[in-house]
Amino acid sequence: MSFTVAIVGRPNVGKSTLFNRLVGKKLALVDDTPGVTRDRRPGDAKLVDLRFRIIDTAGLEEADPETLEGRMRAQTEMAIDEADLSLFVVDAKMGLTPVDQTLAEMLRRRGKPVVLVANKSEARGSDGGFYDAYTLGLGEPVPISAEHGQGMIDLRDAIVEAIGPERAFGDDEDDVAVTDVDVSAAEIEGGEDEEIEPLYDETKPLRVAIVGRPNAGKSTLINRFLGEDRLLTGPEAGITRDSISVEWEWRGRMIKMFDTAGMRRKARVQEKLEKLSVADTLRAIRFAETVVIVFDATIPFEKQDLQIVDLVLREGRAAVLAFNKWDLVEEPQAVLADLREKTERLLPQARGIRAVPISGQTGYSLDKLMQNIVDTDKVWNKRISTAKLNRWLEAQQVQHPPPAVSGRRIRLKYMTQVKARPPAFMISCTRSDALPESYVRYLINGLRADFQMPGVPIRIHFKAAENPYENRRKKR
């Protein structure tokens, strides 16, 4: 991108609505409640012929640095320092407030280009607020409606004038449109040779989502990975609302990591805003490849923890457990043995799932966690040749034949892997509808053990074998 733009302003002036308008997607949560946005969210913006990086920020308020609002303000100030230009959004409908005057003074002190944006200018009675914006001393305001897309041409011209044509239309060679495609869902077998098992690509970027209950330490964990206070953290539960993506490198490999809102029990989620946050978390899980479920090691295996793991596995994602706050555990060896026993007993659907004790606060064992993430992703992408699968299927039937149903034996004839991410197999058999669930579990556990596929969801589909004589008329 040629330059970076930060959207700033007091709460509830329409910053996130403008952000969604410029990126062309509903990435940021939008609600009538003031202060919805808390973390700064980056995105790739398109405005007519301009391409640039944009940052959505929290509403700026006067607050003590130790409070949640004060920490939100610090995040916004970091975004302003990082950006080349700021879009200062005011509410033309409500008019100016003392907070707007304070923010205008702060932006002037920064000495960077500022475009004054009068949002909600389509509303009746907004003319007074629009003309009041001149008193801020930041030049002529640009009247727009982020909700309805009005005034975007004028906004584009104002940005070009503020930052200069050379910078605005700089190097655009990296501006390639990227769509959020769930590769795992779209990937199909492309007629490749089944006998060749493709090698794992160690250089491919990896998408990782961090999920868990509120206050489990997800944002603190990501900040420790990045080595900076990129995400808002604190003792309050439920700070994170939007799913924020950050990028960094681990051993030369690009990692795109998603911080998500804490997921409480469904019965407790009543407010509209929390429902939007949970929906955003579910989208992050579907878009990710590997999901790290963060447990609080001091109170692990709550019912909600198990439900989150089950949700991730049902979505078909590779899962890794992270027992956070390990620095608060008093007897590590005894607790670790207990956690291993409970993992095997309470998560039978993910037998062999990798679990790592960590501390996001101190950085303990984070490198080991990343190695387990990569190892799990390798298993999630694994493909097995058809020849190996059929030899294995024959051996399984010899060792433990399928049960007879109503006096008739079920025969498993042929097996092949139809896709990876997660591994899915198809078995051609007779009377597929009569095969008991216990035998399916036997096959899945055998695949895990014999082909080293621990901890990832494995799916087996059964297809009824075709009868070549079914459509032939009986001879008299």
Protein backbone atom coordinates (compact mmCIF):
# COMPACT_ATOMS: atom_id res chain seq x y z
CA MET A 1 0.00 0.00 0.00
CA SER A 2 1.24 3.51 -0.80
CA PHE A 3 0.25 5.16 2.51
CA THR A 4 -1.57 4.56 5.80
CA VAL A 5 -4.68 6.35 7.07
CA ALA A 6 -6.07 6.32 10.64
CA ILE A 7 -9.75 7.02 11.34
CA VAL A 8 -10.03 8.94 14.62
CA GLY A 9 -12.76 10.74 16.52
CA ARG A 10 -14.83 10.59 19.68
CA PRO A 11 -17.12 7.58 20.31
CA ASN A 12 -20.20 6.94 18.17
CA VAL A 13 -19.45 9.31 15.27
CA GLY A 14 -19.40 6.50 12.67
CA LYS A 15 -15.71 5.57 12.41
CA SER A 16 -16.30 1.82 12.05
CA THR A 17 -19.11 2.40 9.54
CA LEU A 18 -16.68 4.47 7.43
CA PHE A 19 -14.01 1.78 7.85
CA ASN A 20 -16.41 -0.90 6.55
CA ARG A 21 -17.37 1.37 3.65
CA LEU A 22 -13.74 1.88 2.60
CA VAL A 23 -12.66 -1.77 2.90
CA GLY A 24 -15.83 -2.94 1.16
CA LYS A 25 -16.67 -5.54 3.83
CA LYS A 26 -18.40 -5.58 7.20
CA LEU A 27 -15.23 -6.35 9.13
CA ALA A 28 -15.69 -4.01 12.09
CA LEU A 29 -18.59 -4.39 14.52
CA VAL A 30 -21.11 -1.56 14.26
CA ASP A 31 -23.77 -0.72 16.85
CA ASP A 32 -25.57 2.33 18.24
CA THR A 33 -23.82 1.79 21.58
CA PRO A 34 -20.88 4.23 22.06
CA GLY A 35 -17.43 2.67 22.46
CA VAL A 36 -17.98 -0.55 20.49
CA THR A 37 -14.48 -0.48 18.95
CA ARG A 38 -11.64 -0.99 21.43
CA ASP A 39 -8.63 -2.37 19.54
CA ARG A 40 -7.19 -0.79 16.43
CA ARG A 41 -8.12 -2.79 13.34
CA PRO A 42 -6.16 -2.55 10.05
CA GLY A 43 -7.60 -3.16 6.60
CA ASP A 44 -6.95 -2.63 2.89
CA ALA A 45 -9.06 0.28 1.62
CA LYS A 46 -10.24 1.23 -1.85
CA LEU A 47 -11.63 4.70 -2.57
CA VAL A 48 -12.32 5.25 -6.28
CA ASP A 49 -8.76 4.98 -7.72
CA LEU A 50 -6.92 5.18 -4.38
CA ARG A 51 -5.49 2.14 -2.62
CA PHE A 52 -4.20 2.49 0.91
CA ARG A 53 -3.96 0.84 4.32
CA ILE A 54 -6.55 2.03 6.81
CA ILE A 55 -6.78 1.66 10.60
CA ASP A 56 -10.03 1.77 12.56
CA THR A 57 -9.54 3.05 16.11
CA ALA A 58 -11.41 3.36 19.39
CA GLY A 59 -13.24 6.57 20.23
CA LEU A 60 -10.91 9.05 21.93
CA GLU A 61 -11.94 10.12 25.41
CA GLU A 62 -10.35 12.00 28.28
CA ALA A 63 -9.53 9.32 30.87
CA ASP A 64 -6.91 8.21 33.38
CA PRO A 65 -4.16 6.12 31.69
CA GLU A 66 -4.78 3.21 34.08
CA THR A 67 -8.46 2.84 33.16
CA LEU A 68 -9.83 0.82 30.24
CA GLU A 69 -10.71 4.04 28.39
CA GLY A 70 -7.20 5.35 29.02
CA ARG A 71 -5.64 2.20 27.56
CA MET A 72 -7.98 2.49 24.55
CA ARG A 73 -6.80 6.06 24.05
CA ALA A 74 -3.17 4.90 24.11
CA GLN A 75 -3.95 2.36 21.35
CA THR A 76 -5.53 5.09 19.23
CA GLU A 77 -2.56 7.42 19.72
CA MET A 78 -0.25 4.64 18.54
CA ALA A 79 -2.38 4.30 15.38
CA ILE A 80 -2.11 8.07 14.75
CA ASP A 81 1.67 7.92 15.14
CA GLU A 82 1.83 4.95 12.76
CA ALA A 83 -0.35 6.57 10.07
CA ASP A 84 0.67 9.08 7.39
CA LEU A 85 -2.71 10.84 7.50
CA SER A 86 -5.67 11.00 9.88
CA LEU A 87 -9.35 11.19 9.01
CA PHE A 88 -10.83 13.17 11.91
CA VAL A 89 -14.52 12.22 11.97
CA VAL A 90 -17.07 14.49 13.65
CA ASP A 91 -20.84 14.07 13.94
CA ALA A 92 -22.54 16.77 11.86
CA LYS A 93 -25.93 15.75 13.23
CA MET A 94 -25.03 16.14 16.92
CA GLY A 95 -22.56 19.00 16.47
CA LEU A 96 -19.21 19.58 18.16
CA THR A 97 -18.36 18.77 21.77
CA PRO A 98 -15.43 19.82 24.00
CA VAL A 99 -13.90 16.40 23.31
CA ASP A 100 -13.74 17.25 19.59
CA GLN A 101 -11.86 20.45 20.42
CA THR A 102 -9.37 18.52 22.55
CA LEU A 103 -8.78 15.93 19.82
CA ALA A 104 -8.30 18.63 17.21
CA GLU A 105 -5.60 20.20 19.37
CA MET A 106 -3.91 16.80 19.82
CA LEU A 107 -3.88 16.20 16.04
CA ARG A 108 -2.39 19.64 15.39
CA ARG A 109 0.43 18.89 17.83
CA ARG A 110 1.25 15.70 15.88
CA GLY A 111 2.02 17.82 12.80
CA LYS A 112 0.70 15.22 10.35
CA PRO A 113 -1.86 15.79 7.56
CA VAL A 114 -5.49 15.72 8.74
CA VAL A 115 -8.70 15.52 6.72
CA LEU A 116 -11.74 16.74 8.65
CA VAL A 117 -14.79 14.55 7.89
CA ALA A 118 -18.33 15.63 8.82
CA ASN A 119 -20.23 12.35 8.96
CA LYS A 120 -24.04 11.90 9.06
CA SER A 121 -24.42 14.97 6.83
CA GLU A 122 -27.47 13.45 5.18
CA ALA A 123 -29.48 13.93 8.38
CA ARG A 124 -31.98 16.73 8.72
CA GLY A 125 -30.56 19.62 10.69
CA SER A 126 -26.92 18.67 10.09
CA ASP A 127 -25.99 22.02 8.48
CA GLY A 128 -25.31 23.63 11.86
CA GLY A 129 -22.87 20.90 12.92
CA PHE A 130 -21.17 21.03 9.50
CA TYR A 131 -20.46 24.77 9.72
CA ASP A 132 -19.37 24.45 13.37
CA ALA A 133 -16.62 22.08 12.20
CA TYR A 134 -14.81 25.05 10.62
CA THR A 135 -14.07 26.32 14.15
CA LEU A 136 -11.72 23.37 14.74
CA GLY A 137 -9.10 25.05 12.56
CA LEU A 138 -8.36 21.92 10.50
CA GLY A 139 -9.51 23.24 7.15
CA GLU A 140 -12.71 22.69 5.22
CA PRO A 141 -14.76 19.70 6.43
CA VAL A 142 -15.82 17.05 3.93
CA PRO A 143 -19.55 16.25 4.25
CA ILE A 144 -20.21 12.52 3.90
CA SER A 145 -22.61 9.77 4.89
CA ALA A 146 -20.66 6.62 5.71
CA GLU A 147 -23.90 4.69 6.11
CA HIS A 148 -25.20 5.55 2.62
CA GLY A 149 -21.91 6.07 0.77
CA GLN A 150 -22.49 9.76 0.00
CA GLY A 151 -19.58 12.17 -0.44
CA MET A 152 -16.94 9.51 -1.21
CA ILE A 153 -15.65 11.38 -4.29
CA ASP A 154 -15.11 14.54 -2.22
CA LEU A 155 -13.35 12.49 0.46
CA ARG A 156 -11.04 11.00 -2.17
CA ASP A 157 -10.13 14.48 -3.48
CA ALA A 158 -9.46 15.74 0.04
CA ILE A 159 -7.12 12.81 0.80
CA VAL A 160 -5.17 13.38 -2.43
CA GLU A 161 -4.82 17.09 -1.67
CA ALA A 162 -3.72 16.45 1.94
CA ILE A 163 -1.10 13.81 1.25
CA GLY A 164 -0.02 14.88 -2.24
CA PRO A 165 -0.56 13.18 -5.62
CA GLU A 166 2.92 11.61 -5.62
CA ARG A 167 2.26 9.80 -2.34
CA ALA A 168 -1.39 9.07 -3.09
CA PHE A 169 -0.66 7.41 -6.43
CA GLY A 170 2.64 5.84 -5.46
CA ASP A 171 3.73 2.24 -5.94
CA ASP A 172 0.55 0.23 -6.49
CA GLU A 173 2.17 -2.98 -7.62
CA ASP A 174 1.21 -4.71 -4.39
CA ASP A 175 -2.45 -3.71 -4.66
CA VAL A 176 -3.99 -7.05 -5.49
CA ALA A 177 -7.58 -7.70 -4.57
CA VAL A 178 -7.78 -10.49 -2.03
CA THR A 179 -11.02 -12.21 -1.08
CA ASP A 180 -11.57 -14.00 2.21
CA VAL A 181 -12.05 -17.48 0.79
CA ASP A 182 -12.23 -20.38 3.18
CA VAL A 183 -9.59 -22.49 1.48
CA SER A 184 -10.39 -25.51 3.58
CA ALA A 185 -13.96 -25.54 2.32
CA ALA A 186 -13.10 -24.74 -1.30
CA GLU A 187 -10.21 -27.16 -1.68
CA ILE A 188 -11.05 -30.21 -3.77
CA GLU A 189 -9.10 -33.05 -5.22
CA GLY A 190 -7.89 -31.88 -8.62
CA GLY A 191 -7.32 -35.14 -10.41
CA GLU A 192 -3.86 -35.56 -8.93
CA ASP A 193 -2.08 -38.90 -8.74
CA GLU A 194 -3.37 -40.58 -5.61
CA GLU A 195 -0.21 -42.62 -5.17
CA ILE A 196 1.86 -39.45 -4.64
CA GLU A 197 1.59 -38.03 -1.15
CA PRO A 198 2.36 -34.29 -1.47
CA LEU A 199 4.96 -32.77 0.82
CA TYR A 200 3.97 -30.20 3.42
CA ASP A 201 4.77 -26.62 2.36
CA GLU A 202 6.86 -25.15 5.18
CA THR A 203 6.84 -21.66 3.62
CA LYS A 204 3.09 -21.20 3.20
CA PRO A 205 1.55 -18.51 5.48
CA LEU A 206 -0.39 -20.01 8.37
CA ARG A 207 -3.69 -18.66 9.71
CA VAL A 208 -4.19 -19.20 13.46
CA ALA A 209 -7.19 -18.18 15.58
CA ILE A 210 -6.90 -17.76 19.35
CA VAL A 211 -10.19 -18.57 21.10
CA GLY A 212 -11.38 -19.29 24.63
CA ARG A 213 -13.50 -18.05 27.50
CA PRO A 214 -13.35 -14.37 28.57
CA ASN A 215 -10.27 -13.38 30.58
CA ALA A 216 -8.31 -16.50 29.64
CA GLY A 217 -5.38 -14.36 28.45
CA LYS A 218 -5.79 -14.49 24.65
CA SER A 219 -4.78 -10.88 23.90
CA THR A 220 -1.88 -11.02 26.36
CA LEU A 221 -0.64 -14.17 24.61
CA ILE A 222 -0.64 -12.49 21.18
CA ASN A 223 1.09 -9.38 22.56
CA ARG A 224 3.83 -11.63 23.93
CA PHE A 225 4.24 -13.27 20.51
CA LEU A 226 4.54 -9.83 18.86
CA GLY A 227 6.77 -8.38 21.54
CA GLU A 228 4.63 -5.22 21.82
CA ASP A 229 1.33 -4.03 23.32
CA ARG A 230 -0.52 -4.36 20.03
CA LEU A 231 -3.83 -5.50 21.57
CA LEU A 232 -5.76 -4.01 24.45
CA THR A 233 -5.40 -6.03 27.66
CA GLY A 234 -6.34 -5.67 31.31
CA PRO A 235 -7.91 -7.39 34.30
CA GLU A 236 -11.45 -6.72 33.04
CA ALA A 237 -13.19 -9.68 31.39
CA GLY A 238 -14.52 -9.29 27.86
CA ILE A 239 -12.24 -6.44 26.69
CA THR A 240 -11.86 -7.78 23.15
CA ARG A 241 -14.92 -7.38 20.93
CA ASP A 242 -13.72 -7.44 17.32
CA SER A 243 -11.69 -10.27 15.86
CA ILE A 244 -8.38 -8.51 15.16
CA SER A 245 -5.78 -10.03 12.84
CA VAL A 246 -2.04 -9.42 13.28
CA GLU A 247 0.87 -10.66 11.18
CA TRP A 248 4.36 -11.65 12.27
CA GLU A 249 7.12 -14.11 11.40
CA TRP A 250 8.13 -17.24 13.27
CA ARG A 251 11.31 -18.93 12.06
CA GLY A 252 10.95 -17.29 8.69
CA ARG A 253 7.31 -18.29 8.21
CA MET A 254 4.51 -15.71 7.99
CA ILE A 255 1.84 -16.18 10.70
CA LYS A 256 -1.52 -14.42 10.54
CA MET A 257 -3.05 -14.63 14.00
CA PHE A 258 -6.62 -13.69 14.96
CA ASP A 259 -7.46 -12.43 18.42
CA THR A 260 -11.12 -13.09 19.20
CA ALA A 261 -13.73 -12.14 21.77
CA GLY A 262 -14.22 -14.47 24.72
CA MET A 263 -17.06 -16.94 24.27
CA ARG A 264 -19.45 -17.36 27.20
CA ARG A 265 -22.23 -19.89 27.52
CA LYS A 266 -24.99 -19.27 25.00
CA ALA A 267 -27.60 -18.81 27.72
CA ARG A 268 -25.61 -15.90 29.17
CA VAL A 269 -25.19 -14.07 25.86
CA GLN A 270 -28.15 -11.70 25.89
CA GLU A 271 -26.90 -8.34 24.66
CA LYS A 272 -26.88 -7.64 20.93
CA LEU A 273 -23.27 -6.44 21.01
CA GLU A 274 -22.01 -9.65 22.59
CA LYS A 275 -23.94 -11.69 20.03
CA LEU A 276 -22.17 -9.75 17.27
CA SER A 277 -18.81 -10.41 18.95
CA VAL A 278 -19.47 -14.16 19.17
CA ALA A 279 -20.56 -14.23 15.51
CA ASP A 280 -17.29 -12.47 14.61
CA THR A 281 -15.37 -15.11 16.58
CA LEU A 282 -17.13 -17.90 14.68
CA ARG A 283 -16.15 -16.28 11.38
CA ALA A 284 -12.53 -16.14 12.55
CA ILE A 285 -12.64 -19.86 13.41
CA ARG A 286 -13.98 -20.72 9.96
CA PHE A 287 -11.35 -18.59 8.24
CA ALA A 288 -8.45 -19.99 10.29
CA GLU A 289 -6.58 -23.22 9.65
CA THR A 290 -5.36 -23.99 13.16
CA VAL A 291 -7.25 -22.89 16.27
CA VAL A 292 -5.61 -22.49 19.67
CA ILE A 293 -8.12 -22.95 22.50
CA VAL A 294 -6.78 -21.06 25.52
CA PHE A 295 -7.66 -22.57 28.91
CA ASP A 296 -7.12 -20.84 32.23
CA ALA A 297 -4.80 -23.33 33.96
CA THR A 298 -6.08 -22.26 37.38
CA ILE A 299 -9.70 -23.23 36.49
CA PRO A 300 -9.44 -25.56 33.47
CA PHE A 301 -12.07 -27.74 31.80
CA GLU A 302 -15.10 -25.66 32.55
CA LYS A 303 -18.15 -26.79 30.59
CA GLN A 304 -17.72 -23.86 28.21
CA ASP A 305 -14.11 -24.91 27.49
CA LEU A 306 -15.28 -28.33 26.34
CA GLN A 307 -18.03 -26.81 24.20
CA ILE A 308 -15.53 -24.51 22.48
CA VAL A 309 -13.25 -27.46 21.67
CA ASP A 310 -16.21 -29.42 20.32
CA LEU A 311 -17.26 -26.42 18.19
CA VAL A 312 -13.77 -26.09 16.69
CA LEU A 313 -13.62 -29.80 15.85
CA ARG A 314 -17.10 -29.77 14.30
CA GLU A 315 -15.96 -26.90 12.09
CA GLY A 316 -13.17 -29.21 10.92
CA ARG A 317 -10.26 -27.12 12.17
CA ALA A 318 -6.98 -28.34 13.58
CA ALA A 319 -6.98 -27.67 17.33
CA VAL A 320 -4.25 -27.13 19.93
CA LEU A 321 -4.90 -26.64 23.65
CA ALA A 322 -2.94 -23.97 25.53
CA PHE A 323 -3.11 -24.04 29.34
CA ASN A 324 -2.36 -20.38 30.06
CA LYS A 325 -1.34 -18.66 33.32
CA TRP A 326 1.06 -21.51 34.11
CA ASP A 327 3.10 -19.05 36.19
CA LEU A 328 0.23 -19.05 38.73
CA VAL A 329 0.22 -22.86 39.18
CA GLU A 330 1.78 -23.91 42.49
CA GLU A 331 2.46 -27.63 41.83
CA PRO A 332 3.22 -27.86 38.08
CA GLN A 333 4.00 -31.58 37.86
CA ALA A 334 0.88 -32.74 39.71
CA VAL A 335 -1.34 -30.31 37.82
CA LEU A 336 0.16 -31.34 34.47
CA ALA A 337 -0.52 -35.02 35.14
CA ASP A 338 -4.09 -34.18 36.11
CA LEU A 339 -4.60 -32.09 32.96
CA ARG A 340 -3.33 -34.90 30.74
CA GLU A 341 -5.72 -37.38 32.33
CA LYS A 342 -8.68 -35.02 31.96
CA THR A 343 -7.78 -34.22 28.35
CA GLU A 344 -7.90 -37.90 27.38
CA ARG A 345 -11.08 -38.54 29.37
CA LEU A 346 -13.11 -35.44 28.55
CA LEU A 347 -12.13 -35.05 24.87
CA PRO A 348 -12.44 -38.54 23.35
CA GLN A 349 -13.44 -37.04 19.99
CA ALA A 350 -9.96 -35.49 19.73
CA ARG A 351 -7.79 -38.33 20.92
CA GLY A 352 -4.13 -37.31 20.96
CA ILE A 353 -4.84 -33.56 20.78
CA ARG A 354 -1.73 -31.54 21.53
CA ALA A 355 -1.78 -29.58 24.80
CA VAL A 356 0.92 -27.16 25.98
CA PRO A 357 1.24 -25.37 29.35
CA ILE A 358 2.19 -21.73 28.68
CA SER A 359 2.29 -18.28 30.23
CA GLY A 360 1.37 -15.33 28.05
CA GLN A 361 2.48 -12.99 30.83
CA THR A 362 6.06 -14.31 31.09
CA GLY A 363 6.47 -15.91 27.66
CA TYR A 364 7.01 -19.39 29.08
CA SER A 365 6.86 -22.19 26.45
CA LEU A 366 5.50 -20.02 23.61
CA ASP A 367 8.04 -21.41 21.15
CA LYS A 368 6.88 -24.92 22.02
CA LEU A 369 3.28 -23.85 21.43
CA MET A 370 4.14 -22.54 17.95
CA GLN A 371 5.93 -25.80 17.10
CA ASN A 372 2.83 -27.76 18.15
CA ILE A 373 0.68 -25.48 15.99
CA VAL A 374 2.84 -26.21 12.94
CA ASP A 375 2.95 -29.96 13.68
CA THR A 376 -0.85 -30.07 13.99
CA ASP A 377 -1.24 -28.16 10.73
CA LYS A 378 0.96 -30.76 9.03
CA VAL A 379 -1.39 -33.51 10.18
CA TRP A 380 -4.42 -31.45 9.12
CA ASN A 381 -2.99 -31.17 5.59
CA LYS A 382 -1.92 -34.82 5.39
CA ARG A 383 -2.82 -37.00 2.38
CA ILE A 384 -2.52 -40.78 2.23
CA SER A 385 -2.28 -42.77 -0.98
CA THR A 386 -5.18 -45.00 -1.99
CA ALA A 387 -2.96 -48.10 -2.12
CA LYS A 388 -1.89 -47.66 1.52
CA LEU A 389 -5.47 -47.04 2.62
CA ASN A 390 -6.82 -50.18 0.98
CA ARG A 391 -4.07 -52.36 2.45
CA TRP A 392 -4.86 -50.83 5.83
CA LEU A 393 -8.62 -51.35 5.39
CA GLU A 394 -8.11 -55.03 4.56
CA ALA A 395 -5.95 -55.52 7.66
CA GLN A 396 -8.53 -53.79 9.85
CA GLN A 397 -11.29 -56.10 8.62
CA VAL A 398 -9.15 -59.16 9.26
CA GLN A 399 -8.39 -57.99 12.78
CA HIS A 400 -11.94 -56.88 13.55
CA PRO A 401 -14.57 -57.76 10.89
CA PRO A 402 -17.67 -55.56 10.60
CA PRO A 403 -20.60 -57.04 12.52
CA ALA A 404 -23.36 -58.96 10.81
CA VAL A 405 -26.71 -57.17 10.81
CA SER A 406 -29.87 -59.31 10.51
CA GLY A 407 -27.66 -62.24 9.61
CA ARG A 408 -26.01 -60.47 6.69
CA ARG A 409 -22.32 -59.49 6.69
CA ILE A 410 -21.29 -55.90 5.81
CA ARG A 411 -18.39 -55.76 3.37
CA LEU A 412 -16.01 -52.79 3.13
CA LYS A 413 -14.72 -52.95 -0.45
CA TYR A 414 -12.70 -49.84 -1.27
CA MET A 415 -11.25 -46.76 0.49
CA THR A 416 -9.77 -43.49 -0.71
CA GLN A 417 -9.03 -40.03 0.70
CA VAL A 418 -11.33 -37.47 -0.93
CA LYS A 419 -9.83 -34.34 0.67
CA ALA A 420 -7.53 -32.93 3.30
CA ARG A 421 -8.01 -29.94 5.65
CA PRO A 422 -9.44 -31.87 7.55
CA PRO A 423 -8.67 -35.42 6.35
CA ALA A 424 -11.82 -36.97 4.88
CA PHE A 425 -12.17 -40.50 3.50
CA MET A 426 -14.73 -42.38 1.45
CA ILE A 427 -15.38 -46.10 1.88
CA SER A 428 -17.42 -48.06 -0.62
CA CYS A 429 -19.37 -50.78 1.19
CA THR A 430 -22.51 -52.85 1.21
CA ARG A 431 -25.41 -51.75 3.45
CA SER A 432 -23.70 -48.51 4.49
CA ASP A 433 -26.76 -47.39 6.46
CA ALA A 434 -26.53 -50.46 8.74
CA LEU A 435 -22.89 -49.96 9.81
CA PRO A 436 -22.90 -49.24 13.58
CA GLU A 437 -21.33 -46.07 14.96
CA SER A 438 -19.00 -48.10 17.16
CA TYR A 439 -17.30 -49.59 14.09
CA VAL A 440 -16.88 -46.12 12.56
CA ARG A 441 -15.10 -45.01 15.75
CA TYR A 442 -12.92 -48.12 15.52
CA LEU A 443 -11.85 -47.12 12.00
CA ILE A 444 -11.19 -43.49 12.99
CA ASN A 445 -9.07 -44.51 15.98
CA GLY A 446 -7.17 -46.93 13.75
CA LEU A 447 -6.42 -44.15 11.25
CA ARG A 448 -5.14 -41.92 14.06
CA ALA A 449 -2.85 -44.60 15.43
CA ASP A 450 -1.52 -46.16 12.21
CA PHE A 451 -1.03 -43.00 10.15
CA GLN A 452 0.07 -40.65 12.98
CA MET A 453 -2.95 -38.32 12.81
CA PRO A 454 -3.52 -37.27 16.45
CA GLY A 455 -5.80 -34.49 17.54
CA VAL A 456 -7.39 -33.48 14.22
CA PRO A 457 -10.97 -34.19 13.13
CA ILE A 458 -11.22 -37.21 10.81
CA ARG A 459 -14.31 -37.74 8.70
CA ILE A 460 -15.36 -40.98 7.01
CA HIS A 461 -18.17 -41.07 4.47
CA PHE A 462 -19.71 -44.34 3.33
CA LYS A 463 -20.98 -44.95 -0.15
CA ALA A 464 -23.20 -47.86 -1.11
CA ALA A 465 -21.54 -50.12 -3.65
CA GLU A 466 -23.31 -50.27 -6.99
CA ASN A 467 -25.04 -53.52 -7.96
CA PRO A 468 -24.28 -54.22 -11.66
CA TYR A 469 -27.38 -56.45 -11.95
CA GLU A 470 -29.80 -54.03 -10.29
CA ASN A 471 -31.31 -52.65 -13.51
CA ARG A 472 -31.34 -55.86 -15.51
CA ARG A 473 -34.67 -57.55 -16.11
CA LYS A 474 -35.00 -61.05 -14.80
CA LYS A 475 -34.99 -63.70 -17.48
CA ARG A 476 -38.02 -65.92 -17.62
